[in-house]
């Protein structure tokens, strides 16, 4: 369903085979399709699945994998956050190019952070530009940007779209200005202005 390849066709086939009866012949009336779907959906990389027989009696499994929108680094390791805010383990088959989140993702900030990460994921410019997000102890955020050497102070998770619009407008305005390369800090905390310091 997307360009992520956290789960392969071979992995899905193996999950199905593990749940087949051990008999040499299997009749389609003996198969519990709901059970097969539930077994597939137990996999932490699968968002949804549908198992059915086609008109020729061939068993089909359609699987939608989860979409990773960020990678969280913790003291205990790391994991992905999917588009619904759930945890996904890292994969040995694929590594998603998503922003890295540093800091504590708590139950208090998880919903707002997921909403922000979805905004980034769905915007081509932001998706390519933002490489890291630091969650500070006061729950404010700082962003790391790919193109420039300045730190972006995002502030709290309020008026996310407005702050990103301000950031894009600032970059558009200052593209022809060589002074942008001298900025060390860009503050988006206030929604009515962008404050830059050298």
N, C-alpha and C. Protein backbone atom coordinates (compact mmCIF):
# COMPACT_ATOMS: atom_id res chain seq x y z
N UNK A 1 0.81 -1.21 0.00
CA UNK A 1 0.00 0.00 0.00
C UNK A 1 0.84 1.26 0.00
N UNK A 2 2.12 1.15 0.35
CA UNK A 2 3.03 2.31 0.30
C UNK A 2 4.42 1.81 -0.02
N UNK A 3 5.39 2.69 0.03
CA UNK A 3 6.75 2.31 -0.35
C UNK A 3 7.52 1.61 0.77
N UNK A 4 6.94 1.50 1.94
CA UNK A 4 7.60 0.80 3.03
C UNK A 4 7.49 -0.70 2.80
N UNK A 5 8.53 -1.40 3.14
CA UNK A 5 8.53 -2.85 2.95
C UNK A 5 8.88 -3.55 4.26
N UNK A 6 8.11 -3.22 5.29
CA UNK A 6 8.35 -3.84 6.59
C UNK A 6 7.99 -5.31 6.59
N UNK A 7 7.04 -5.65 5.75
CA UNK A 7 6.61 -7.04 5.69
C UNK A 7 6.58 -7.46 4.22
N UNK A 8 7.09 -8.66 3.94
CA UNK A 8 7.19 -9.14 2.57
C UNK A 8 6.12 -10.19 2.30
N UNK A 9 5.93 -10.51 1.04
CA UNK A 9 4.97 -11.55 0.66
C UNK A 9 5.37 -12.89 1.29
N UNK A 10 6.67 -13.15 1.32
CA UNK A 10 7.15 -14.40 1.92
C UNK A 10 6.80 -14.48 3.41
N UNK A 11 6.91 -13.36 4.10
CA UNK A 11 6.57 -13.34 5.53
C UNK A 11 5.08 -13.62 5.74
N UNK A 12 4.24 -13.03 4.89
CA UNK A 12 2.80 -13.28 4.98
C UNK A 12 2.50 -14.74 4.70
N UNK A 13 3.13 -15.30 3.66
CA UNK A 13 2.93 -16.72 3.35
C UNK A 13 3.32 -17.61 4.53
N UNK A 14 4.45 -17.30 5.16
CA UNK A 14 4.90 -18.09 6.32
C UNK A 14 3.92 -17.99 7.48
N UNK A 15 3.38 -16.78 7.71
CA UNK A 15 2.39 -16.62 8.79
C UNK A 15 1.14 -17.45 8.50
N UNK A 16 0.72 -17.50 7.24
CA UNK A 16 -0.46 -18.30 6.88
C UNK A 16 -0.17 -19.79 7.03
N UNK A 17 0.98 -20.23 6.54
CA UNK A 17 1.34 -21.65 6.60
C UNK A 17 1.39 -22.14 8.04
N UNK A 18 1.89 -21.31 8.95
CA UNK A 18 1.97 -21.69 10.36
C UNK A 18 0.60 -21.98 10.96
N UNK A 19 -0.46 -21.42 10.37
CA UNK A 19 -1.79 -21.58 10.93
C UNK A 19 -2.66 -22.56 10.15
N UNK A 20 -2.05 -23.25 9.19
CA UNK A 20 -2.80 -24.28 8.47
C UNK A 20 -2.82 -25.57 9.27
N UNK A 21 -3.88 -26.38 9.10
CA UNK A 21 -3.90 -27.70 9.72
C UNK A 21 -2.75 -28.54 9.17
N UNK A 22 -2.28 -29.49 9.91
CA UNK A 22 -1.13 -30.31 9.52
C UNK A 22 -1.49 -31.44 8.54
N UNK A 23 -2.73 -31.54 8.16
CA UNK A 23 -3.14 -32.61 7.24
C UNK A 23 -2.54 -32.38 5.87
N UNK A 24 -2.39 -33.45 5.07
CA UNK A 24 -1.81 -33.33 3.74
C UNK A 24 -2.76 -32.61 2.78
N UNK A 25 -4.06 -32.73 3.00
CA UNK A 25 -5.04 -32.03 2.19
C UNK A 25 -5.86 -31.13 3.11
N UNK A 26 -6.14 -29.94 2.62
CA UNK A 26 -6.94 -28.99 3.39
C UNK A 26 -8.14 -28.61 2.55
N UNK A 27 -9.33 -28.80 3.11
CA UNK A 27 -10.55 -28.41 2.41
C UNK A 27 -10.93 -27.00 2.85
N UNK A 28 -11.42 -26.23 1.88
CA UNK A 28 -11.68 -24.83 2.20
C UNK A 28 -12.78 -24.67 3.25
N UNK A 29 -13.69 -25.64 3.36
CA UNK A 29 -14.71 -25.57 4.40
C UNK A 29 -14.12 -25.71 5.80
N UNK A 30 -12.92 -26.32 5.87
CA UNK A 30 -12.28 -26.54 7.17
C UNK A 30 -11.48 -25.33 7.65
N UNK A 31 -11.27 -24.37 6.77
CA UNK A 31 -10.45 -23.21 7.14
C UNK A 31 -11.31 -22.10 7.76
N UNK A 32 -10.82 -21.57 8.84
CA UNK A 32 -11.47 -20.44 9.51
C UNK A 32 -10.76 -19.16 9.04
N UNK A 33 -11.37 -18.47 8.08
CA UNK A 33 -10.74 -17.29 7.49
C UNK A 33 -10.58 -16.16 8.51
N UNK A 34 -11.54 -16.03 9.42
CA UNK A 34 -11.41 -14.99 10.46
C UNK A 34 -10.20 -15.26 11.35
N UNK A 35 -9.98 -16.52 11.66
CA UNK A 35 -8.82 -16.88 12.49
C UNK A 35 -7.52 -16.54 11.77
N UNK A 36 -7.47 -16.82 10.46
CA UNK A 36 -6.28 -16.50 9.69
C UNK A 36 -6.04 -14.98 9.66
N UNK A 37 -7.10 -14.21 9.47
CA UNK A 37 -6.97 -12.75 9.49
C UNK A 37 -6.47 -12.26 10.84
N UNK A 38 -7.03 -12.80 11.91
CA UNK A 38 -6.61 -12.40 13.27
C UNK A 38 -5.15 -12.74 13.52
N UNK A 39 -4.72 -13.91 13.03
CA UNK A 39 -3.32 -14.30 13.21
C UNK A 39 -2.39 -13.36 12.46
N UNK A 40 -2.79 -12.96 11.25
CA UNK A 40 -1.98 -12.01 10.48
C UNK A 40 -1.90 -10.67 11.21
N UNK A 41 -3.02 -10.22 11.76
CA UNK A 41 -3.06 -8.91 12.40
C UNK A 41 -2.35 -8.88 13.75
N UNK A 42 -1.95 -10.03 14.26
CA UNK A 42 -1.13 -10.05 15.47
C UNK A 42 0.29 -9.56 15.19
N UNK A 43 0.69 -9.63 13.91
CA UNK A 43 2.01 -9.15 13.54
C UNK A 43 2.06 -7.64 13.74
N UNK A 44 3.10 -7.15 14.40
CA UNK A 44 3.20 -5.73 14.76
C UNK A 44 3.43 -4.81 13.57
N UNK A 45 3.67 -5.37 12.39
CA UNK A 45 3.88 -4.56 11.18
C UNK A 45 2.63 -4.45 10.32
N UNK A 46 1.59 -5.22 10.66
CA UNK A 46 0.39 -5.28 9.83
C UNK A 46 -0.73 -4.43 10.44
N UNK A 47 -1.28 -3.52 9.63
CA UNK A 47 -2.39 -2.67 10.07
C UNK A 47 -3.72 -3.39 9.90
N UNK A 48 -3.90 -4.05 8.77
CA UNK A 48 -5.15 -4.79 8.53
C UNK A 48 -4.90 -5.89 7.52
N UNK A 49 -5.79 -6.87 7.50
CA UNK A 49 -5.67 -7.97 6.55
C UNK A 49 -7.05 -8.48 6.18
N UNK A 50 -7.11 -9.07 5.00
CA UNK A 50 -8.34 -9.69 4.53
C UNK A 50 -7.95 -11.00 3.84
N UNK A 51 -8.51 -12.10 4.31
CA UNK A 51 -8.24 -13.41 3.74
C UNK A 51 -9.53 -13.93 3.13
N UNK A 52 -9.44 -14.42 1.87
CA UNK A 52 -10.65 -14.88 1.17
C UNK A 52 -10.26 -15.87 0.07
N UNK A 53 -11.27 -16.59 -0.42
CA UNK A 53 -11.10 -17.47 -1.57
C UNK A 53 -11.62 -16.75 -2.80
N UNK A 54 -10.89 -16.88 -3.93
CA UNK A 54 -11.42 -16.31 -5.17
C UNK A 54 -12.32 -17.34 -5.86
N UNK A 55 -12.84 -17.03 -7.03
CA UNK A 55 -13.80 -17.92 -7.71
C UNK A 55 -13.17 -19.24 -8.12
N UNK A 56 -11.84 -19.29 -8.22
CA UNK A 56 -11.16 -20.54 -8.58
C UNK A 56 -10.77 -21.36 -7.35
N UNK A 57 -11.15 -20.91 -6.18
CA UNK A 57 -10.84 -21.64 -4.95
C UNK A 57 -9.44 -21.39 -4.42
N UNK A 58 -8.78 -20.35 -4.92
CA UNK A 58 -7.42 -20.02 -4.47
C UNK A 58 -7.52 -19.09 -3.26
N UNK A 59 -6.76 -19.42 -2.24
CA UNK A 59 -6.73 -18.61 -1.02
C UNK A 59 -5.92 -17.35 -1.27
N UNK A 60 -6.49 -16.18 -0.96
CA UNK A 60 -5.82 -14.89 -1.13
C UNK A 60 -5.74 -14.19 0.22
N UNK A 61 -4.65 -13.47 0.41
CA UNK A 61 -4.50 -12.65 1.62
C UNK A 61 -4.05 -11.27 1.18
N UNK A 62 -4.86 -10.26 1.48
CA UNK A 62 -4.49 -8.88 1.23
C UNK A 62 -4.11 -8.25 2.55
N UNK A 63 -2.90 -7.71 2.58
CA UNK A 63 -2.35 -7.17 3.83
C UNK A 63 -1.98 -5.70 3.61
N UNK A 64 -2.38 -4.86 4.55
CA UNK A 64 -1.95 -3.46 4.57
C UNK A 64 -0.99 -3.32 5.74
N UNK A 65 0.22 -2.91 5.43
CA UNK A 65 1.19 -2.74 6.51
C UNK A 65 1.07 -1.36 7.15
N UNK A 66 1.57 -1.26 8.35
CA UNK A 66 1.54 0.01 9.06
C UNK A 66 2.50 1.01 8.40
N UNK A 67 2.22 2.28 8.60
CA UNK A 67 3.06 3.34 8.05
C UNK A 67 3.85 3.98 9.19
N UNK A 68 5.16 3.86 9.13
CA UNK A 68 6.02 4.49 10.14
C UNK A 68 6.16 5.97 9.81
N UNK A 69 5.93 6.82 10.82
CA UNK A 69 6.04 8.27 10.60
C UNK A 69 7.17 8.90 11.42
N UNK A 70 7.75 8.14 12.35
CA UNK A 70 8.89 8.64 13.13
C UNK A 70 9.58 7.47 13.81
N UNK A 71 10.84 7.68 14.14
CA UNK A 71 11.60 6.69 14.91
C UNK A 71 11.96 7.33 16.24
N UNK A 72 11.63 6.67 17.32
CA UNK A 72 11.89 7.19 18.66
C UNK A 72 13.13 6.51 19.24
N UNK A 73 14.07 7.32 19.71
CA UNK A 73 15.26 6.79 20.38
C UNK A 73 15.09 6.98 21.87
N UNK A 74 15.21 5.89 22.61
CA UNK A 74 15.11 5.94 24.07
C UNK A 74 16.37 5.33 24.66
N UNK A 75 16.49 5.40 25.96
CA UNK A 75 17.63 4.78 26.64
C UNK A 75 17.61 3.26 26.52
N UNK A 76 16.44 2.69 26.27
CA UNK A 76 16.29 1.23 26.17
C UNK A 76 16.35 0.72 24.74
N UNK A 77 16.54 1.58 23.76
CA UNK A 77 16.55 1.16 22.37
C UNK A 77 15.74 2.13 21.54
N UNK A 78 15.14 1.61 20.48
CA UNK A 78 14.33 2.48 19.63
C UNK A 78 13.18 1.70 19.00
N UNK A 79 12.20 2.46 18.51
CA UNK A 79 11.03 1.88 17.86
C UNK A 79 10.43 2.93 16.94
N UNK A 80 9.54 2.50 16.07
CA UNK A 80 8.82 3.43 15.20
C UNK A 80 7.48 3.79 15.83
N UNK A 81 6.98 4.97 15.45
CA UNK A 81 5.60 5.35 15.73
C UNK A 81 4.86 5.26 14.41
N UNK A 82 3.72 4.55 14.40
CA UNK A 82 2.94 4.46 13.16
C UNK A 82 1.97 5.63 13.06
N UNK A 83 1.27 5.71 11.94
CA UNK A 83 0.41 6.86 11.66
C UNK A 83 -0.76 6.98 12.63
N UNK A 84 -1.05 5.93 13.40
CA UNK A 84 -2.13 5.99 14.39
C UNK A 84 -1.60 6.17 15.81
N UNK A 85 -0.29 6.35 15.94
CA UNK A 85 0.31 6.58 17.25
C UNK A 85 0.76 5.33 17.97
N UNK A 86 0.63 4.18 17.32
CA UNK A 86 1.05 2.93 17.94
C UNK A 86 2.54 2.69 17.79
N UNK A 87 3.06 1.77 18.58
CA UNK A 87 4.48 1.40 18.50
C UNK A 87 4.67 0.32 17.45
N UNK A 88 5.76 0.43 16.72
CA UNK A 88 6.18 -0.59 15.77
C UNK A 88 7.63 -0.93 16.08
N UNK A 89 7.98 -2.21 16.06
CA UNK A 89 9.39 -2.55 16.27
C UNK A 89 10.21 -2.21 15.02
N UNK A 90 11.52 -2.13 15.18
CA UNK A 90 12.39 -1.95 14.02
C UNK A 90 12.37 -3.22 13.19
N UNK A 91 12.67 -3.10 11.93
CA UNK A 91 12.64 -4.24 11.01
C UNK A 91 14.05 -4.56 10.54
N UNK A 92 14.33 -5.84 10.37
CA UNK A 92 15.62 -6.23 9.81
C UNK A 92 15.59 -6.18 8.28
N UNK A 93 14.40 -5.95 7.70
CA UNK A 93 14.24 -5.94 6.25
C UNK A 93 14.23 -4.53 5.66
N UNK A 94 13.86 -3.55 6.46
CA UNK A 94 13.63 -2.21 5.90
C UNK A 94 13.83 -1.15 6.97
N UNK A 95 14.38 -0.02 6.55
CA UNK A 95 14.54 1.12 7.46
C UNK A 95 13.85 2.32 6.84
N UNK A 96 12.88 2.88 7.55
CA UNK A 96 12.11 4.01 7.03
C UNK A 96 12.89 5.31 7.22
N UNK A 97 12.83 6.18 6.22
CA UNK A 97 13.46 7.50 6.29
C UNK A 97 12.45 8.48 6.89
N UNK A 98 12.46 8.55 8.20
CA UNK A 98 11.51 9.37 8.95
C UNK A 98 12.28 10.17 10.00
N UNK A 99 11.69 11.25 10.53
CA UNK A 99 12.38 12.01 11.58
C UNK A 99 12.66 11.16 12.82
N UNK A 100 13.77 11.46 13.47
CA UNK A 100 14.14 10.77 14.71
C UNK A 100 13.68 11.63 15.87
N UNK A 101 12.94 11.04 16.80
CA UNK A 101 12.43 11.75 17.97
C UNK A 101 13.30 11.40 19.17
N UNK A 102 13.82 12.44 19.82
CA UNK A 102 14.62 12.27 21.03
C UNK A 102 13.81 12.82 22.20
N UNK A 103 13.81 12.13 23.29
CA UNK A 103 13.08 12.60 24.47
C UNK A 103 11.98 11.65 24.85
N UNK A 104 11.18 12.07 25.80
CA UNK A 104 10.16 11.20 26.38
C UNK A 104 8.82 11.37 25.65
N UNK A 105 8.40 10.30 24.96
CA UNK A 105 7.07 10.27 24.36
C UNK A 105 6.15 9.67 25.41
N UNK A 106 5.37 10.52 26.05
CA UNK A 106 4.51 10.08 27.14
C UNK A 106 3.07 9.96 26.66
N UNK A 107 2.23 9.40 27.50
CA UNK A 107 0.81 9.30 27.16
C UNK A 107 0.17 10.69 27.05
N UNK A 108 0.76 11.68 27.73
CA UNK A 108 0.23 13.05 27.68
C UNK A 108 0.47 13.72 26.34
N UNK A 109 1.66 13.50 25.75
CA UNK A 109 1.99 14.21 24.51
C UNK A 109 1.87 13.34 23.26
N UNK A 110 1.57 12.06 23.43
CA UNK A 110 1.58 11.13 22.30
C UNK A 110 0.57 11.49 21.20
N UNK A 111 -0.63 11.84 21.60
CA UNK A 111 -1.67 12.14 20.61
C UNK A 111 -1.33 13.39 19.79
N UNK A 112 -0.90 14.46 20.46
CA UNK A 112 -0.55 15.68 19.76
C UNK A 112 0.70 15.49 18.91
N UNK A 113 1.68 14.73 19.44
CA UNK A 113 2.90 14.46 18.68
C UNK A 113 2.59 13.65 17.43
N UNK A 114 1.71 12.67 17.55
CA UNK A 114 1.32 11.86 16.39
C UNK A 114 0.65 12.73 15.34
N UNK A 115 -0.18 13.64 15.77
CA UNK A 115 -0.85 14.55 14.82
C UNK A 115 0.20 15.40 14.09
N UNK A 116 1.18 15.92 14.84
CA UNK A 116 2.25 16.71 14.23
C UNK A 116 3.07 15.87 13.25
N UNK A 117 3.41 14.65 13.66
CA UNK A 117 4.20 13.77 12.79
C UNK A 117 3.45 13.42 11.51
N UNK A 118 2.14 13.27 11.59
CA UNK A 118 1.34 13.02 10.39
C UNK A 118 1.34 14.24 9.46
N UNK A 119 1.31 15.44 10.04
CA UNK A 119 1.41 16.66 9.23
C UNK A 119 2.74 16.67 8.47
N UNK A 120 3.82 16.33 9.15
CA UNK A 120 5.14 16.27 8.51
C UNK A 120 5.15 15.21 7.43
N UNK A 121 4.64 14.02 7.75
CA UNK A 121 4.68 12.90 6.81
C UNK A 121 3.89 13.20 5.53
N UNK A 122 2.79 13.91 5.66
CA UNK A 122 1.93 14.17 4.51
C UNK A 122 2.36 15.39 3.69
N UNK A 123 3.35 16.14 4.15
CA UNK A 123 3.84 17.31 3.44
C UNK A 123 5.22 16.98 2.85
N UNK A 124 5.31 16.97 1.52
CA UNK A 124 6.56 16.57 0.87
C UNK A 124 7.75 17.41 1.30
N UNK A 125 7.54 18.72 1.42
CA UNK A 125 8.65 19.59 1.82
C UNK A 125 9.10 19.30 3.24
N UNK A 126 8.16 19.25 4.18
CA UNK A 126 8.52 19.00 5.58
C UNK A 126 9.13 17.61 5.75
N UNK A 127 8.59 16.65 5.02
CA UNK A 127 9.08 15.27 5.11
C UNK A 127 10.56 15.18 4.72
N UNK A 128 10.95 15.94 3.70
CA UNK A 128 12.35 15.93 3.25
C UNK A 128 13.23 16.80 4.14
N UNK A 129 12.66 17.82 4.74
CA UNK A 129 13.44 18.82 5.46
C UNK A 129 13.72 18.48 6.92
N UNK A 130 12.74 17.97 7.65
CA UNK A 130 12.88 17.75 9.09
C UNK A 130 13.50 16.37 9.35
N UNK A 131 14.65 16.37 10.01
CA UNK A 131 15.36 15.12 10.29
C UNK A 131 15.26 14.68 11.75
N UNK A 132 15.02 15.62 12.65
CA UNK A 132 14.97 15.27 14.06
C UNK A 132 14.04 16.16 14.85
N UNK A 133 13.50 15.60 15.94
CA UNK A 133 12.62 16.33 16.84
C UNK A 133 13.06 16.01 18.26
N UNK A 134 13.39 17.06 19.01
CA UNK A 134 13.80 16.87 20.41
C UNK A 134 12.67 17.33 21.30
N UNK A 135 12.22 16.45 22.19
CA UNK A 135 11.20 16.80 23.17
C UNK A 135 11.92 17.25 24.44
N UNK A 136 11.76 18.50 24.78
CA UNK A 136 12.41 19.06 25.97
C UNK A 136 11.62 18.68 27.23
N UNK A 137 12.26 18.78 28.41
CA UNK A 137 11.55 18.43 29.66
C UNK A 137 10.25 19.21 29.88
N UNK A 138 10.17 20.46 29.36
CA UNK A 138 8.95 21.25 29.52
C UNK A 138 7.92 20.94 28.42
N UNK A 139 8.17 19.90 27.61
CA UNK A 139 7.30 19.43 26.52
C UNK A 139 7.33 20.34 25.29
N UNK A 140 8.22 21.34 25.26
CA UNK A 140 8.40 22.11 24.03
C UNK A 140 9.30 21.30 23.09
N UNK A 141 9.31 21.67 21.81
CA UNK A 141 10.05 20.90 20.81
C UNK A 141 11.10 21.77 20.12
N UNK A 142 12.19 21.13 19.73
CA UNK A 142 13.19 21.72 18.85
C UNK A 142 13.34 20.79 17.65
N UNK A 143 13.48 21.38 16.47
CA UNK A 143 13.59 20.60 15.24
C UNK A 143 14.98 20.71 14.65
N UNK A 144 15.45 19.63 14.05
CA UNK A 144 16.68 19.63 13.30
C UNK A 144 16.32 19.60 11.82
N UNK A 145 16.95 20.47 11.05
CA UNK A 145 16.62 20.66 9.64
C UNK A 145 17.77 20.16 8.77
N UNK A 146 17.44 19.56 7.63
CA UNK A 146 18.45 19.01 6.74
C UNK A 146 19.26 20.11 6.01
N UNK A 147 18.60 21.11 5.47
CA UNK A 147 19.26 22.04 4.54
C UNK A 147 20.13 23.08 5.21
N UNK A 148 19.78 23.49 6.43
CA UNK A 148 20.48 24.60 7.05
C UNK A 148 21.07 24.19 8.40
N UNK A 149 21.99 25.03 8.87
CA UNK A 149 22.70 24.69 10.10
C UNK A 149 22.11 25.40 11.31
N UNK A 150 20.84 25.76 11.25
CA UNK A 150 20.24 26.41 12.42
C UNK A 150 19.29 25.47 13.14
N UNK A 151 19.10 25.76 14.43
CA UNK A 151 18.18 25.02 15.27
C UNK A 151 16.82 25.71 15.19
N UNK A 152 15.76 24.93 15.08
CA UNK A 152 14.41 25.50 15.00
C UNK A 152 13.69 25.24 16.32
N UNK A 153 13.34 26.30 17.01
CA UNK A 153 12.56 26.17 18.24
C UNK A 153 11.08 26.18 17.85
N UNK A 154 10.44 25.05 18.01
CA UNK A 154 9.04 24.91 17.59
C UNK A 154 8.07 25.35 18.68
N UNK A 155 8.47 25.17 19.91
CA UNK A 155 7.57 25.47 21.03
C UNK A 155 6.68 24.28 21.34
N UNK A 156 5.53 24.55 21.90
CA UNK A 156 4.60 23.48 22.28
C UNK A 156 3.80 22.99 21.08
N UNK A 157 3.11 21.90 21.27
CA UNK A 157 2.34 21.28 20.19
C UNK A 157 0.97 21.94 20.01
N UNK A 158 0.99 23.23 19.79
CA UNK A 158 -0.23 23.98 19.53
C UNK A 158 -0.07 24.70 18.20
N UNK A 159 -1.16 24.86 17.48
CA UNK A 159 -1.18 25.56 16.19
C UNK A 159 -0.06 25.07 15.27
N UNK A 160 0.04 23.76 15.17
CA UNK A 160 1.11 23.11 14.42
C UNK A 160 1.13 23.57 12.96
N UNK A 161 -0.02 23.52 12.29
CA UNK A 161 -0.08 23.90 10.87
C UNK A 161 0.34 25.34 10.66
N UNK A 162 -0.09 26.24 11.54
CA UNK A 162 0.26 27.66 11.43
C UNK A 162 1.77 27.85 11.58
N UNK A 163 2.38 27.17 12.53
CA UNK A 163 3.83 27.28 12.73
C UNK A 163 4.59 26.77 11.51
N UNK A 164 4.14 25.66 10.94
CA UNK A 164 4.80 25.14 9.75
C UNK A 164 4.59 26.06 8.55
N UNK A 165 3.41 26.66 8.43
CA UNK A 165 3.17 27.63 7.36
C UNK A 165 4.11 28.83 7.52
N UNK A 166 4.28 29.30 8.75
CA UNK A 166 5.20 30.40 9.02
C UNK A 166 6.63 30.02 8.63
N UNK A 167 7.03 28.81 8.96
CA UNK A 167 8.38 28.35 8.65
C UNK A 167 8.59 28.30 7.13
N UNK A 168 7.61 27.76 6.41
CA UNK A 168 7.74 27.68 4.95
C UNK A 168 7.75 29.08 4.33
N UNK A 169 6.94 29.99 4.86
CA UNK A 169 6.93 31.36 4.36
C UNK A 169 8.27 32.04 4.63
N UNK A 170 8.84 31.81 5.81
CA UNK A 170 10.15 32.37 6.15
C UNK A 170 11.21 31.87 5.18
N UNK A 171 11.22 30.56 4.89
CA UNK A 171 12.21 30.02 3.96
C UNK A 171 12.01 30.57 2.56
N UNK A 172 10.76 30.67 2.13
CA UNK A 172 10.45 31.20 0.80
C UNK A 172 10.94 32.65 0.68
N UNK A 173 10.68 33.43 1.72
CA UNK A 173 11.06 34.84 1.72
C UNK A 173 12.59 35.01 1.73
N UNK A 174 13.27 34.17 2.50
CA UNK A 174 14.70 34.36 2.69
C UNK A 174 15.55 33.54 1.72
N UNK A 175 14.94 32.86 0.75
CA UNK A 175 15.71 32.05 -0.19
C UNK A 175 16.73 32.88 -0.96
N UNK A 176 16.37 34.08 -1.34
CA UNK A 176 17.28 34.93 -2.11
C UNK A 176 18.20 35.75 -1.22
N UNK A 177 18.07 35.57 0.08
CA UNK A 177 18.86 36.35 1.04
C UNK A 177 20.00 35.47 1.55
N UNK A 178 21.23 35.91 1.34
CA UNK A 178 22.38 35.09 1.77
C UNK A 178 22.55 35.07 3.28
N UNK A 179 21.86 35.94 3.98
CA UNK A 179 22.00 36.01 5.44
C UNK A 179 21.42 34.76 6.13
N UNK A 180 20.57 34.01 5.43
CA UNK A 180 19.96 32.82 6.04
C UNK A 180 21.02 31.82 6.50
N UNK A 181 22.17 31.80 5.84
CA UNK A 181 23.24 30.87 6.21
C UNK A 181 23.95 31.27 7.50
N UNK A 182 23.70 32.48 7.99
CA UNK A 182 24.33 32.93 9.23
C UNK A 182 23.45 32.75 10.46
N UNK A 183 22.19 32.37 10.24
CA UNK A 183 21.29 32.17 11.38
C UNK A 183 21.69 30.92 12.16
N UNK A 184 21.63 31.03 13.46
CA UNK A 184 21.91 29.89 14.35
C UNK A 184 20.64 29.36 15.01
N UNK A 185 19.62 30.23 15.07
CA UNK A 185 18.41 29.86 15.79
C UNK A 185 17.20 30.51 15.12
N UNK A 186 16.17 29.70 14.85
CA UNK A 186 14.92 30.20 14.29
C UNK A 186 13.81 29.81 15.27
N UNK A 187 13.06 30.80 15.72
CA UNK A 187 12.03 30.57 16.74
C UNK A 187 10.64 30.65 16.10
N UNK A 188 9.89 29.53 16.16
CA UNK A 188 8.52 29.47 15.65
C UNK A 188 7.50 29.48 16.78
N UNK A 189 7.96 29.67 17.99
CA UNK A 189 7.10 29.56 19.17
C UNK A 189 5.88 30.49 19.09
N UNK A 190 6.08 31.67 18.56
CA UNK A 190 4.99 32.66 18.45
C UNK A 190 4.37 32.56 17.07
N UNK A 191 3.07 32.38 17.00
CA UNK A 191 2.44 32.10 15.71
C UNK A 191 2.32 33.32 14.81
N UNK A 192 2.53 34.51 15.33
CA UNK A 192 2.39 35.72 14.52
C UNK A 192 3.70 36.18 13.91
N UNK A 193 4.83 35.54 14.30
CA UNK A 193 6.12 35.99 13.78
C UNK A 193 7.14 34.86 13.86
N UNK A 194 8.19 34.98 13.06
CA UNK A 194 9.33 34.08 13.11
C UNK A 194 10.52 34.93 13.56
N UNK A 195 11.17 34.51 14.63
CA UNK A 195 12.28 35.28 15.19
C UNK A 195 13.58 34.53 14.88
N UNK A 196 14.52 35.21 14.27
CA UNK A 196 15.80 34.59 13.92
C UNK A 196 16.93 35.29 14.64
N UNK A 197 17.90 34.51 15.09
CA UNK A 197 19.08 35.08 15.72
C UNK A 197 20.34 34.50 15.07
N UNK A 198 21.36 35.35 14.99
CA UNK A 198 22.64 34.93 14.39
C UNK A 198 23.54 34.33 15.44
